[in-house]
Amino acid sequence: MTRDPKAAASATPCNATALRKAQRRLTQLYDGALEDSGLRSTQLSILVELAARTAHPPTMAELAQALVMDRSALGHNLRPLEREGLLVLQEGDTDRRQRHVVLTSRGKSKCQEALRRWRTAQDRFEQVFGRAEAAALRGTLLRIAHDERLATLKD
């Protein structure tokens, strides 16, 4: 079996390093496809999550949990979307300290536009990697993302 010297040189026993390398490659692919929409893939994932929750807009904490982000990172990512009028933060009905993240009609339109471009990147990835392999990869990654045991492991 002939090994690719580039792959051998970049091999690592570290799961986090391998995942970050793959993440950077996929981010390049998806962000390239989304470029004309004015959104990055990280921003689109927020809009998609909000579009799925229009009946019950999430609080900042709920959205952060769904996206597996800390609240400060989420706030940093929400600011440009709020400036562009794609979402608004609304006070909670019963607790004014809570902020619900609500997708605006402009945000819904931008999300739909960007999803058409996202589909291009998704199709390209599946052509190269394989549809079944891509589905299996997503399953594995989502199991990792939502495994609370990993969130509690400390030194």
Protein backbone atom coordinates (compact mmCIF):
# COMPACT_ATOMS: atom_id res chain seq x y z
CA MET A 1 0.00 0.00 0.00
CA THR A 2 1.47 3.36 -1.02
CA ARG A 3 1.05 6.12 1.53
CA ASP A 4 0.60 9.74 0.59
CA PRO A 5 3.68 11.58 1.97
CA LYS A 6 1.58 14.68 2.66
CA ALA A 7 -0.90 12.65 4.69
CA ALA A 8 1.89 10.86 6.56
CA ALA A 9 3.60 14.16 7.37
CA SER A 10 0.38 15.58 8.78
CA ALA A 11 -0.70 12.45 10.67
CA THR A 12 -1.33 13.02 14.34
CA PRO A 13 -2.43 10.87 17.23
CA CYS A 14 -4.42 13.87 18.58
CA ASN A 15 -8.15 13.75 17.86
CA ALA A 16 -8.55 17.48 18.46
CA THR A 17 -5.77 18.37 15.99
CA ALA A 18 -7.16 16.07 13.30
CA LEU A 19 -10.65 17.49 13.84
CA ARG A 20 -9.42 21.09 13.64
CA LYS A 21 -7.59 20.36 10.38
CA ALA A 22 -10.73 18.83 8.91
CA GLN A 23 -12.79 21.72 10.27
CA ARG A 24 -10.55 24.27 8.56
CA ARG A 25 -10.78 22.40 5.24
CA LEU A 26 -14.58 22.18 5.43
CA THR A 27 -14.89 25.79 6.55
CA GLN A 28 -12.91 26.84 3.46
CA LEU A 29 -15.27 24.81 1.25
CA TYR A 30 -18.51 26.06 2.81
CA ASP A 31 -17.41 29.67 3.31
CA GLY A 32 -16.28 29.77 -0.32
CA ALA A 33 -19.72 28.65 -1.48
CA LEU A 34 -21.45 31.13 0.86
CA GLU A 35 -19.22 34.08 0.01
CA ASP A 36 -21.72 35.84 -2.28
CA SER A 37 -24.44 35.59 0.38
CA GLY A 38 -22.39 37.71 2.76
CA LEU A 39 -22.55 35.02 5.45
CA ARG A 40 -19.96 32.66 6.85
CA SER A 41 -20.82 29.06 7.67
CA THR A 42 -20.77 29.83 11.40
CA GLN A 43 -23.36 32.56 10.88
CA LEU A 44 -25.54 30.35 8.71
CA SER A 45 -25.60 27.65 11.38
CA ILE A 46 -27.02 30.21 13.82
CA LEU A 47 -29.70 31.34 11.35
CA VAL A 48 -30.66 27.73 10.55
CA GLU A 49 -31.01 26.93 14.26
CA LEU A 50 -33.21 30.00 14.74
CA ALA A 51 -35.32 29.17 11.67
CA ALA A 52 -36.10 25.79 13.24
CA ARG A 53 -37.30 27.52 16.41
CA THR A 54 -39.51 30.32 15.13
CA ALA A 55 -42.52 29.19 17.19
CA HIS A 56 -40.47 29.31 20.42
CA PRO A 57 -37.40 31.54 19.99
CA PRO A 58 -34.58 30.31 22.21
CA THR A 59 -32.94 32.26 24.97
CA MET A 60 -29.26 33.05 24.60
CA ALA A 61 -28.46 30.15 26.95
CA GLU A 62 -30.66 27.71 25.01
CA LEU A 63 -29.16 28.75 21.68
CA ALA A 64 -25.62 28.49 23.04
CA GLN A 65 -26.38 24.99 24.34
CA ALA A 66 -27.92 23.90 21.02
CA LEU A 67 -24.87 25.17 19.12
CA VAL A 68 -22.41 23.78 21.70
CA MET A 69 -20.92 27.25 22.26
CA ASP A 70 -20.29 29.28 25.36
CA ARG A 71 -22.52 32.32 25.76
CA SER A 72 -19.74 34.87 25.26
CA ALA A 73 -18.72 33.30 21.93
CA LEU A 74 -22.37 33.23 20.89
CA GLY A 75 -22.77 36.91 21.77
CA HIS A 76 -19.72 37.73 19.67
CA ASN A 77 -21.22 35.82 16.72
CA LEU A 78 -24.68 37.38 17.11
CA ARG A 79 -23.58 41.03 17.01
CA PRO A 80 -22.93 41.28 13.24
CA LEU A 81 -26.16 39.39 12.51
CA GLU A 82 -28.07 41.78 14.74
CA ARG A 83 -26.40 44.81 13.09
CA GLU A 84 -27.48 43.49 9.69
CA GLY A 85 -31.08 43.16 10.91
CA LEU A 86 -31.10 39.37 10.51
CA LEU A 87 -32.07 38.77 14.12
CA VAL A 88 -33.19 40.69 17.18
CA LEU A 89 -32.78 40.13 20.89
CA GLN A 90 -36.04 40.40 22.80
CA GLU A 91 -36.57 40.58 26.54
CA GLY A 92 -38.28 37.59 28.08
CA ASP A 93 -41.97 37.96 28.99
CA THR A 94 -41.55 36.72 32.54
CA ASP A 95 -37.87 37.48 33.16
CA ARG A 96 -36.55 40.72 31.68
CA ARG A 97 -32.96 39.50 32.19
CA GLN A 98 -33.50 36.75 29.64
CA ARG A 99 -32.87 37.55 26.00
CA HIS A 100 -34.63 35.54 23.32
CA VAL A 101 -32.94 35.41 19.94
CA VAL A 102 -35.52 35.96 17.20
CA LEU A 103 -34.97 35.57 13.47
CA THR A 104 -36.36 38.54 11.51
CA SER A 105 -38.08 38.29 8.15
CA ARG A 106 -34.90 39.64 6.59
CA GLY A 107 -32.98 36.90 8.43
CA LYS A 108 -35.34 34.23 7.09
CA SER A 109 -34.82 35.47 3.54
CA LYS A 110 -31.04 35.61 3.96
CA CYS A 111 -31.07 32.10 5.45
CA GLN A 112 -33.03 30.71 2.49
CA GLU A 113 -30.71 32.43 0.02
CA ALA A 114 -27.61 31.13 1.81
CA LEU A 115 -29.01 27.59 2.07
CA ARG A 116 -29.11 27.36 -1.73
CA ARG A 117 -25.40 28.18 -1.78
CA TRP A 118 -24.77 25.84 1.17
CA ARG A 119 -26.34 23.01 -0.86
CA THR A 120 -23.59 23.50 -3.47
CA ALA A 121 -20.87 22.97 -0.86
CA GLN A 122 -22.76 20.05 0.67
CA ASP A 123 -23.09 18.35 -2.71
CA ARG A 124 -19.41 18.95 -3.53
CA PHE A 125 -18.31 17.43 -0.23
CA GLU A 126 -20.53 14.39 -0.68
CA GLN A 127 -19.26 13.88 -4.25
CA VAL A 128 -15.68 13.75 -2.97
CA PHE A 129 -16.21 11.99 0.34
CA GLY A 130 -19.28 9.88 -0.46
CA ARG A 131 -22.89 10.39 0.60
CA ALA A 132 -22.99 7.43 3.02
CA GLU A 133 -19.58 8.30 4.46
CA ALA A 134 -20.67 11.92 4.95
CA ALA A 135 -23.82 10.80 6.78
CA ALA A 136 -21.76 8.48 9.00
CA LEU A 137 -19.28 11.28 9.70
CA ARG A 138 -22.08 13.67 10.69
CA GLY A 139 -23.51 11.04 13.01
CA THR A 140 -20.17 10.52 14.71
CA LEU A 141 -19.48 14.24 15.03
CA LEU A 142 -22.93 14.95 16.47
CA ARG A 143 -22.53 12.14 19.00
CA ILE A 144 -19.26 13.76 20.09
CA ALA A 145 -20.80 17.24 20.18
CA HIS A 146 -23.71 16.17 22.37
CA ASP A 147 -21.97 13.70 24.67
CA GLU A 148 -22.19 15.46 28.02
CA ARG A 149 -19.58 13.12 29.51
CA LEU A 150 -16.96 14.89 27.39
CA ALA A 151 -18.06 18.27 28.75
CA THR A 152 -17.40 17.19 32.32
CA LEU A 153 -13.96 15.61 31.89
CA LYS A 154 -11.26 17.62 33.64
CA ASP A 155 -7.66 16.99 34.77
